[in-house]
Amino acid sequence: MSMVVRTNTMALNANNALNKNNSTVAGNLEKLSTGFKINRAADDASGLAISEKMKAQIKAIDTASKNAQDGASLIKTAEGYMGEVHDMLNRIVELAEKSANGTYEIGKDASYNTAATETYGHAGVDRQALQDEVDQLTAEIDRIATTANFNELKLMDGSMDTNTYAAVSASGSATGAKAGALVTTAIGASKTGANADIASGSNLTLQIGETSSASDKLGVSIGSFKTEVLFRSISTTSVATADATSNTATASTVALTATNGKSENSAGLTLNISNQQAASVVAEKVRDVINNVSSQRASLGALENRLDYTMNNLNTASENITDANSRIRDTDMAKTMMQYTQGNTLTQAAQAMLAQANQAPSSVLQLLQ
């Protein structure tokens, strides 16, 4: 090896090694301090691209899981309101059954004092008391239907009811279509004003997946619980009224529903149990209404169970994708610590050798003595 003083090749080699070791140690320190083995695109360009795409997918899945939880909470809230409606309907059945019993006082009509035309069947004091409670209960059903909400989203006022119902008058007769039947014409196209149909609402759409496709959305439909819809299948009934003098029975039509003056809903209906025969029919028909409410609650319960499985699936997917992303992005602390220790040792060795290499040119001075 030539002995030169202008270029110290050994020092250059030692310095290069020292710089490489310093760079390695700095990189290991960064990985140990951040916990990521990919901190910039230069560390692993393809790995960074895959990791960032996975991070976006994880965020979308986690948010969808929270959306499903919010949807389940909304359904639980609505189902709780329906439980109270159920209780009131059951109480109405109880009151109607009481009124249908012949032991209650029978009221007389306006011609009571005319023996030849004396008729029975109108509300007496006892049945009027029962009727008053029914009026209050149906008014409360209307109040719940109007005010029930989740985060200011109305739940039971028909805004989430996807059906369009024929308008029903206070006596229960449909205007232009069979009471309770679905109207197939366009909303608002068939009738206007007082005879307008009860227009449909729209599904509440839950985003329960990571994409914008229909398969990652779920529609929630909750029927209207306003009494004009709830009691739309209850109309009139033909009952027999007895003449007290001749002891003969004549058939007459009695309305089972009437406009409820105690309800803040101007279209709200109440059920007529002030007549013994009508009360018997009301008790029977309200049980059908209870079945309809039960069906609605059952549908919501099934939907809530579905959302539970949806959340479990999303959480599992998030866990697995997070694990995959971790293998790409996260630092193996034990391995990186081993590399840091190795690099740190080599750095110290390179520093020592650089010091030795810097001493080498001084040996040339001996030749000049």
Protein backbone atom coordinates (compact mmCIF):
# COMPACT_ATOMS: atom_id res chain seq x y z
CA MET A 1 0.00 0.00 0.00
CA SER A 2 1.35 3.40 -0.99
CA MET A 3 2.22 5.82 1.75
CA VAL A 4 0.57 9.13 0.82
CA VAL A 5 -0.49 12.14 2.82
CA ARG A 6 -2.91 13.88 0.44
CA THR A 7 -5.56 11.15 0.36
CA ASN A 8 -6.28 9.03 3.40
CA THR A 9 -8.21 6.17 1.83
CA MET A 10 -8.52 4.27 5.08
CA ALA A 11 -10.08 7.30 6.79
CA LEU A 12 -12.49 7.71 3.88
CA ASN A 13 -13.56 4.07 4.15
CA ALA A 14 -13.96 4.32 7.92
CA ASN A 15 -15.92 7.56 7.57
CA ASN A 16 -18.27 6.02 4.98
CA ALA A 17 -18.86 3.06 7.26
CA LEU A 18 -19.49 5.43 10.15
CA ASN A 19 -22.04 7.42 8.12
CA LYS A 20 -23.87 4.26 7.07
CA ASN A 21 -23.95 3.02 10.63
CA ASN A 22 -25.17 6.39 11.88
CA SER A 23 -27.96 6.34 9.27
CA THR A 24 -28.94 2.81 10.30
CA VAL A 25 -28.98 3.73 13.98
CA ALA A 26 -31.06 6.87 13.25
CA GLY A 27 -33.55 4.82 11.27
CA ASN A 28 -33.83 2.26 14.04
CA LEU A 29 -34.30 5.00 16.63
CA GLU A 30 -37.11 6.49 14.53
CA LYS A 31 -38.84 3.13 14.21
CA LEU A 32 -38.48 2.47 17.94
CA SER A 33 -39.79 5.91 18.87
CA THR A 34 -42.79 5.94 16.45
CA GLY A 35 -43.65 2.25 16.52
CA PHE A 36 -43.88 2.22 12.72
CA LYS A 37 -41.42 0.53 10.42
CA ILE A 38 -42.84 2.58 7.51
CA ASN A 39 -42.61 6.27 8.39
CA ARG A 40 -42.24 7.65 4.87
CA ALA A 41 -42.73 6.37 1.33
CA ALA A 42 -38.97 5.82 0.98
CA ASP A 43 -39.08 3.18 3.71
CA ASP A 44 -41.43 0.94 1.64
CA ALA A 45 -43.37 2.57 -1.20
CA SER A 46 -45.67 -0.35 -1.99
CA GLY A 47 -46.15 -1.21 1.68
CA LEU A 48 -47.16 2.40 2.41
CA ALA A 49 -49.75 2.38 -0.39
CA ILE A 50 -51.28 -0.90 0.82
CA SER A 51 -51.25 0.26 4.44
CA GLU A 52 -52.97 3.59 3.73
CA LYS A 53 -55.68 1.81 1.72
CA MET A 54 -56.23 -0.58 4.62
CA LYS A 55 -56.39 2.33 7.07
CA ALA A 56 -59.18 3.92 5.02
CA GLN A 57 -61.04 0.60 4.93
CA ILE A 58 -60.68 0.16 8.69
CA LYS A 59 -62.01 3.68 9.32
CA ALA A 60 -65.01 3.01 7.08
CA ILE A 61 -65.77 -0.32 8.76
CA ASP A 62 -65.44 1.11 12.28
CA THR A 63 -67.75 3.98 11.36
CA ALA A 64 -70.26 1.56 9.83
CA SER A 65 -70.24 -0.39 13.10
CA LYS A 66 -71.01 2.81 15.02
CA ASN A 67 -73.77 3.57 12.50
CA ALA A 68 -75.28 0.15 13.15
CA GLN A 69 -75.10 0.80 16.90
CA ASP A 70 -76.93 4.10 16.43
CA GLY A 71 -79.54 2.34 14.29
CA ALA A 72 -80.05 -0.30 16.98
CA SER A 73 -80.47 2.45 19.57
CA LEU A 74 -83.09 4.14 17.40
CA ILE A 75 -84.97 0.87 17.02
CA LYS A 76 -84.83 0.21 20.77
CA THR A 77 -86.23 3.69 21.41
CA ALA A 78 -89.08 3.20 18.95
CA GLU A 79 -89.84 -0.24 20.33
CA GLY A 80 -90.02 1.23 23.83
CA TYR A 81 -92.62 3.76 22.70
CA MET A 82 -94.59 0.97 21.03
CA GLY A 83 -94.58 -0.95 24.29
CA GLU A 84 -96.46 1.92 25.92
CA VAL A 85 -98.94 2.01 23.04
CA HIS A 86 -99.43 -1.72 23.53
CA ASP A 87 -100.25 -1.19 27.20
CA MET A 88 -102.80 1.51 26.36
CA LEU A 89 -104.45 -0.64 23.69
CA ASN A 90 -104.73 -3.49 26.17
CA ARG A 91 -106.34 -1.09 28.63
CA ILE A 92 -108.79 0.01 25.92
CA VAL A 93 -109.75 -3.64 25.38
CA GLU A 94 -110.35 -3.95 29.11
CA LEU A 95 -112.53 -0.83 29.16
CA ALA A 96 -114.47 -1.95 26.07
CA GLU A 97 -115.13 -5.35 27.62
CA LYS A 98 -116.44 -3.63 30.73
CA SER A 99 -118.72 -1.40 28.69
CA ALA A 100 -119.98 -4.42 26.76
CA ASN A 101 -121.29 -5.91 29.98
CA GLY A 102 -125.01 -5.43 30.65
CA THR A 103 -124.58 -4.59 34.32
CA TYR A 104 -123.68 -0.98 33.55
CA GLU A 105 -126.33 1.71 33.55
CA ILE A 106 -128.10 2.08 30.21
CA GLY A 107 -128.65 5.64 29.08
CA LYS A 108 -131.79 6.86 27.35
CA ASP A 109 -132.16 8.98 24.25
CA ALA A 110 -133.87 12.38 23.99
CA SER A 111 -137.33 10.78 23.66
CA TYR A 112 -137.01 8.85 26.93
CA ASN A 113 -140.28 10.24 28.33
CA THR A 114 -142.31 9.10 25.33
CA ALA A 115 -143.15 5.54 26.23
CA ALA A 116 -143.98 4.51 22.68
CA THR A 117 -140.57 5.44 21.41
CA GLU A 118 -138.47 4.80 24.50
CA THR A 119 -135.16 3.31 23.34
CA TYR A 120 -132.00 2.20 25.05
CA GLY A 121 -128.35 1.93 24.07
CA HIS A 122 -126.99 5.45 24.63
CA ALA A 123 -124.23 6.27 27.10
CA GLY A 124 -125.13 6.34 30.74
CA VAL A 125 -122.98 7.73 33.54
CA ASP A 126 -121.00 4.50 33.92
CA ARG A 127 -120.22 4.05 30.26
CA GLN A 128 -119.48 7.74 29.86
CA ALA A 129 -116.77 7.39 32.51
CA LEU A 130 -115.29 4.49 30.55
CA GLN A 131 -115.59 6.50 27.33
CA ASP A 132 -113.75 9.44 28.90
CA GLU A 133 -110.79 7.24 29.74
CA VAL A 134 -110.71 5.80 26.23
CA ASP A 135 -110.70 9.34 24.84
CA GLN A 136 -107.71 10.22 27.00
CA LEU A 137 -105.85 7.03 26.10
CA THR A 138 -106.33 7.53 22.36
CA ALA A 139 -105.27 11.17 22.76
CA GLU A 140 -102.10 9.97 24.49
CA ILE A 141 -101.44 7.53 21.64
CA ASP A 142 -101.67 10.49 19.25
CA ARG A 143 -99.32 12.52 21.46
CA ILE A 144 -96.73 9.74 21.52
CA ALA A 145 -97.06 9.24 17.75
CA THR A 146 -96.53 12.96 17.19
CA THR A 147 -93.67 13.59 19.63
CA ALA A 148 -91.69 10.32 19.80
CA ASN A 149 -88.24 11.03 18.41
CA PHE A 150 -84.62 9.92 18.39
CA ASN A 151 -82.12 12.75 18.01
CA GLU A 152 -85.02 14.88 16.73
CA LEU A 153 -85.94 12.27 14.10
CA LYS A 154 -89.69 11.62 14.36
CA LEU A 155 -90.25 7.91 14.80
CA MET A 156 -93.98 7.25 14.78
CA ASP A 157 -95.65 10.20 13.03
CA GLY A 158 -95.60 8.54 9.60
CA SER A 159 -92.43 10.17 8.27
CA MET A 160 -90.79 6.72 8.26
CA ASP A 161 -93.90 4.90 7.09
CA THR A 162 -93.46 3.79 3.48
CA ASN A 163 -97.16 2.97 3.02
CA THR A 164 -99.76 5.33 1.62
CA TYR A 165 -103.15 4.93 3.27
CA ALA A 166 -106.54 5.99 2.03
CA ALA A 167 -107.87 8.89 4.05
CA VAL A 168 -110.38 7.72 6.65
CA SER A 169 -113.21 9.86 7.97
CA ALA A 170 -114.17 10.10 11.62
CA SER A 171 -116.77 7.39 11.09
CA GLY A 172 -114.11 5.15 9.65
CA SER A 173 -115.22 5.20 6.03
CA ALA A 174 -112.58 5.54 3.35
CA THR A 175 -112.78 8.40 0.90
CA GLY A 176 -112.31 6.83 -2.48
CA ALA A 177 -110.74 3.57 -1.41
CA LYS A 178 -111.40 0.77 1.02
CA ALA A 179 -110.46 1.74 4.56
CA GLY A 180 -106.96 0.58 5.35
CA ALA A 181 -106.16 -0.38 1.77
CA LEU A 182 -102.96 0.81 0.17
CA VAL A 183 -103.41 3.50 -2.44
CA THR A 184 -101.40 2.73 -5.55
CA THR A 185 -101.74 6.12 -7.23
CA ALA A 186 -98.95 8.65 -6.98
CA ILE A 187 -98.76 10.47 -3.66
CA GLY A 188 -100.90 13.58 -3.75
CA ALA A 189 -102.25 12.80 -7.23
CA SER A 190 -105.58 11.24 -6.32
CA LYS A 191 -107.11 13.64 -3.80
CA THR A 192 -106.47 17.05 -2.34
CA GLY A 193 -107.61 19.10 0.62
CA ALA A 194 -109.79 17.45 3.26
CA ASN A 195 -109.99 14.24 1.26
CA ALA A 196 -106.26 13.92 0.68
CA ASP A 197 -104.79 10.49 1.28
CA ILE A 198 -102.36 9.94 4.13
CA ALA A 199 -99.14 10.24 2.17
CA SER A 200 -96.28 7.86 2.68
CA GLY A 201 -93.00 8.76 4.30
CA SER A 202 -89.62 7.30 3.43
CA ASN A 203 -87.23 4.74 4.83
CA LEU A 204 -84.57 5.84 7.27
CA THR A 205 -81.39 4.62 5.56
CA LEU A 206 -78.57 3.27 7.70
CA GLN A 207 -75.01 3.13 6.28
CA ILE A 208 -73.87 -0.23 7.64
CA GLY A 209 -71.02 -1.00 5.24
CA GLU A 210 -67.92 0.55 3.72
CA THR A 211 -69.26 1.10 0.19
CA SER A 212 -72.03 3.17 -1.37
CA SER A 213 -73.76 0.11 -2.84
CA ALA A 214 -77.30 -0.86 -1.84
CA SER A 215 -75.98 -3.98 -0.11
CA ASP A 216 -74.19 -1.78 2.44
CA LYS A 217 -77.33 0.21 3.28
CA LEU A 218 -80.30 -0.81 5.36
CA GLY A 219 -83.74 0.82 5.27
CA VAL A 220 -85.76 1.16 8.47
CA SER A 221 -89.51 1.63 8.08
CA ILE A 222 -91.73 2.42 11.08
CA GLY A 223 -95.47 2.63 10.60
CA SER A 224 -97.50 5.65 11.63
CA PHE A 225 -99.08 5.31 15.06
CA LYS A 226 -101.46 8.24 14.71
CA THR A 227 -104.94 7.05 15.50
CA GLU A 228 -106.33 7.88 12.06
CA VAL A 229 -103.92 5.25 10.72
CA LEU A 230 -103.85 2.92 13.70
CA PHE A 231 -107.66 2.59 13.74
CA ARG A 232 -108.16 2.84 9.97
CA SER A 233 -109.66 -0.68 9.76
CA ILE A 234 -112.28 0.10 12.40
CA SER A 235 -115.36 1.67 10.81
CA THR A 236 -119.04 1.16 11.59
CA THR A 237 -121.09 -1.74 12.84
CA SER A 238 -124.73 -2.72 12.64
CA VAL A 239 -126.23 -3.29 16.08
CA ALA A 240 -129.66 -4.12 17.37
CA THR A 241 -131.39 -1.70 19.72
CA ALA A 242 -134.42 -2.78 21.77
CA ASP A 243 -137.63 -0.83 22.15
CA ALA A 244 -138.60 -0.94 25.83
CA THR A 245 -142.37 -0.84 25.16
CA SER A 246 -142.79 -3.26 22.27
CA ASN A 247 -139.74 -5.35 23.20
CA THR A 248 -138.72 -5.47 19.56
CA ALA A 249 -135.25 -5.08 18.16
CA THR A 250 -134.34 -2.85 15.28
CA ALA A 251 -131.02 -2.71 13.45
CA SER A 252 -129.11 0.52 13.32
CA THR A 253 -125.62 1.58 12.33
CA VAL A 254 -123.33 2.75 15.08
CA ALA A 255 -119.99 4.44 14.40
CA LEU A 256 -117.10 2.75 16.14
CA THR A 257 -114.82 5.76 15.78
CA ALA A 258 -115.28 9.49 16.19
CA THR A 259 -113.11 12.60 16.08
CA ASN A 260 -111.28 12.89 19.37
CA GLY A 261 -111.74 16.34 20.84
CA LYS A 262 -109.20 15.58 23.58
CA SER A 263 -106.39 14.97 21.08
CA GLU A 264 -104.12 17.69 19.80
CA ASN A 265 -104.10 15.81 16.50
CA SER A 266 -106.97 17.37 14.54
CA ALA A 267 -107.43 14.14 12.59
CA GLY A 268 -107.13 11.98 15.70
CA LEU A 269 -109.81 9.37 16.33
CA THR A 270 -111.24 7.85 19.47
CA LEU A 271 -113.12 4.58 19.84
CA ASN A 272 -116.79 4.49 20.72
CA ILE A 273 -117.53 2.27 23.73
CA SER A 274 -120.48 4.34 24.99
CA ASN A 275 -122.84 1.82 23.40
CA GLN A 276 -122.97 -1.73 24.77
CA GLN A 277 -123.12 -3.41 21.38
CA ALA A 278 -120.49 -1.12 19.85
CA ALA A 279 -118.18 -1.67 22.82
CA SER A 280 -118.27 -5.41 22.23
CA VAL A 281 -117.21 -4.95 18.61
CA VAL A 282 -114.52 -2.41 19.56
CA ALA A 283 -113.02 -4.87 22.06
CA GLU A 284 -112.71 -7.41 19.27
CA LYS A 285 -111.32 -5.04 16.66
CA VAL A 286 -108.78 -3.44 18.99
CA ARG A 287 -107.30 -6.89 19.47
CA ASP A 288 -106.64 -6.86 15.73
CA VAL A 289 -104.93 -3.48 16.15
CA ILE A 290 -102.84 -4.98 18.95
CA ASN A 291 -101.81 -7.77 16.58
CA ASN A 292 -100.73 -5.17 14.02
CA VAL A 293 -98.65 -3.35 16.64
CA SER A 294 -97.17 -6.69 17.73
CA SER A 295 -96.22 -7.38 14.14
CA GLN A 296 -94.51 -3.99 13.91
CA ARG A 297 -92.60 -4.59 17.14
CA ALA A 298 -91.61 -8.07 15.97
CA SER A 299 -90.27 -6.63 12.71
CA LEU A 300 -88.21 -4.07 14.60
CA GLY A 301 -86.98 -6.76 16.98
CA ALA A 302 -85.83 -8.89 14.04
CA LEU A 303 -84.11 -5.84 12.54
CA GLU A 304 -82.36 -5.14 15.84
CA ASN A 305 -81.10 -8.73 15.97
CA ARG A 306 -79.86 -8.37 12.41
CA LEU A 307 -77.95 -5.23 13.37
CA ASP A 308 -76.33 -7.12 16.24
CA TYR A 309 -74.96 -9.65 13.76
CA THR A 310 -73.96 -6.82 11.43
CA MET A 311 -71.95 -5.17 14.20
CA ASN A 312 -70.28 -8.48 15.10
CA ASN A 313 -69.33 -9.02 11.46
CA LEU A 314 -67.97 -5.48 11.05
CA ASN A 315 -65.98 -5.70 14.27
CA THR A 316 -64.47 -9.02 13.19
CA ALA A 317 -63.55 -7.61 9.77
CA SER A 318 -62.00 -4.54 11.37
CA GLU A 319 -59.97 -6.71 13.72
CA ASN A 320 -58.61 -8.91 10.92
CA ILE A 321 -57.77 -6.03 8.58
CA THR A 322 -56.12 -4.13 11.44
CA ASP A 323 -53.99 -7.18 12.13
CA ALA A 324 -52.99 -7.37 8.46
CA ASN A 325 -52.14 -3.67 8.42
CA SER A 326 -50.09 -4.07 11.58
CA ARG A 327 -47.88 -6.68 9.95
CA ILE A 328 -47.17 -4.25 7.12
CA ARG A 329 -46.83 -1.01 9.06
CA ASP A 330 -45.84 -1.67 12.67
CA THR A 331 -42.34 -2.09 14.03
CA ASP A 332 -41.21 -5.41 15.46
CA MET A 333 -39.74 -3.85 18.60
CA ALA A 334 -37.55 -6.84 19.56
CA LYS A 335 -36.06 -7.20 16.09
CA THR A 336 -35.56 -3.45 15.67
CA MET A 337 -33.93 -3.21 19.10
CA MET A 338 -31.52 -5.97 18.07
CA GLN A 339 -30.70 -4.06 14.88
CA TYR A 340 -30.25 -0.84 16.85
CA THR A 341 -27.82 -2.54 19.24
CA GLN A 342 -25.88 -3.99 16.33
CA GLY A 343 -25.79 -0.64 14.52
CA ASN A 344 -24.76 1.20 17.64
CA THR A 345 -21.88 -1.25 18.21
CA LEU A 346 -20.74 -0.89 14.60
CA THR A 347 -20.90 2.89 14.91
CA GLN A 348 -18.61 2.83 17.92
CA ALA A 349 -16.26 0.48 16.06
CA ALA A 350 -16.27 2.76 13.00
CA GLN A 351 -15.48 5.76 15.19
CA ALA A 352 -12.51 3.90 16.70
CA MET A 353 -11.25 2.81 13.29
CA LEU A 354 -11.65 6.35 11.93
CA ALA A 355 -9.46 7.55 14.73
CA GLN A 356 -6.85 4.90 13.84
CA ALA A 357 -7.04 5.75 10.13
CA ASN A 358 -6.46 9.40 10.93
CA GLN A 359 -3.24 8.39 12.69
CA ALA A 360 -1.85 6.52 9.64
CA PRO A 361 -0.50 9.54 7.64
CA SER A 362 1.59 10.60 10.60
CA SER A 363 3.82 7.53 10.04
CA VAL A 364 5.00 9.08 6.78
CA LEU A 365 6.70 11.81 8.79
CA GLN A 366 9.23 9.25 10.01
CA LEU A 367 10.51 8.92 6.44
CA LEU A 368 11.13 12.65 6.31
CA GLN A 369 13.38 12.75 9.35
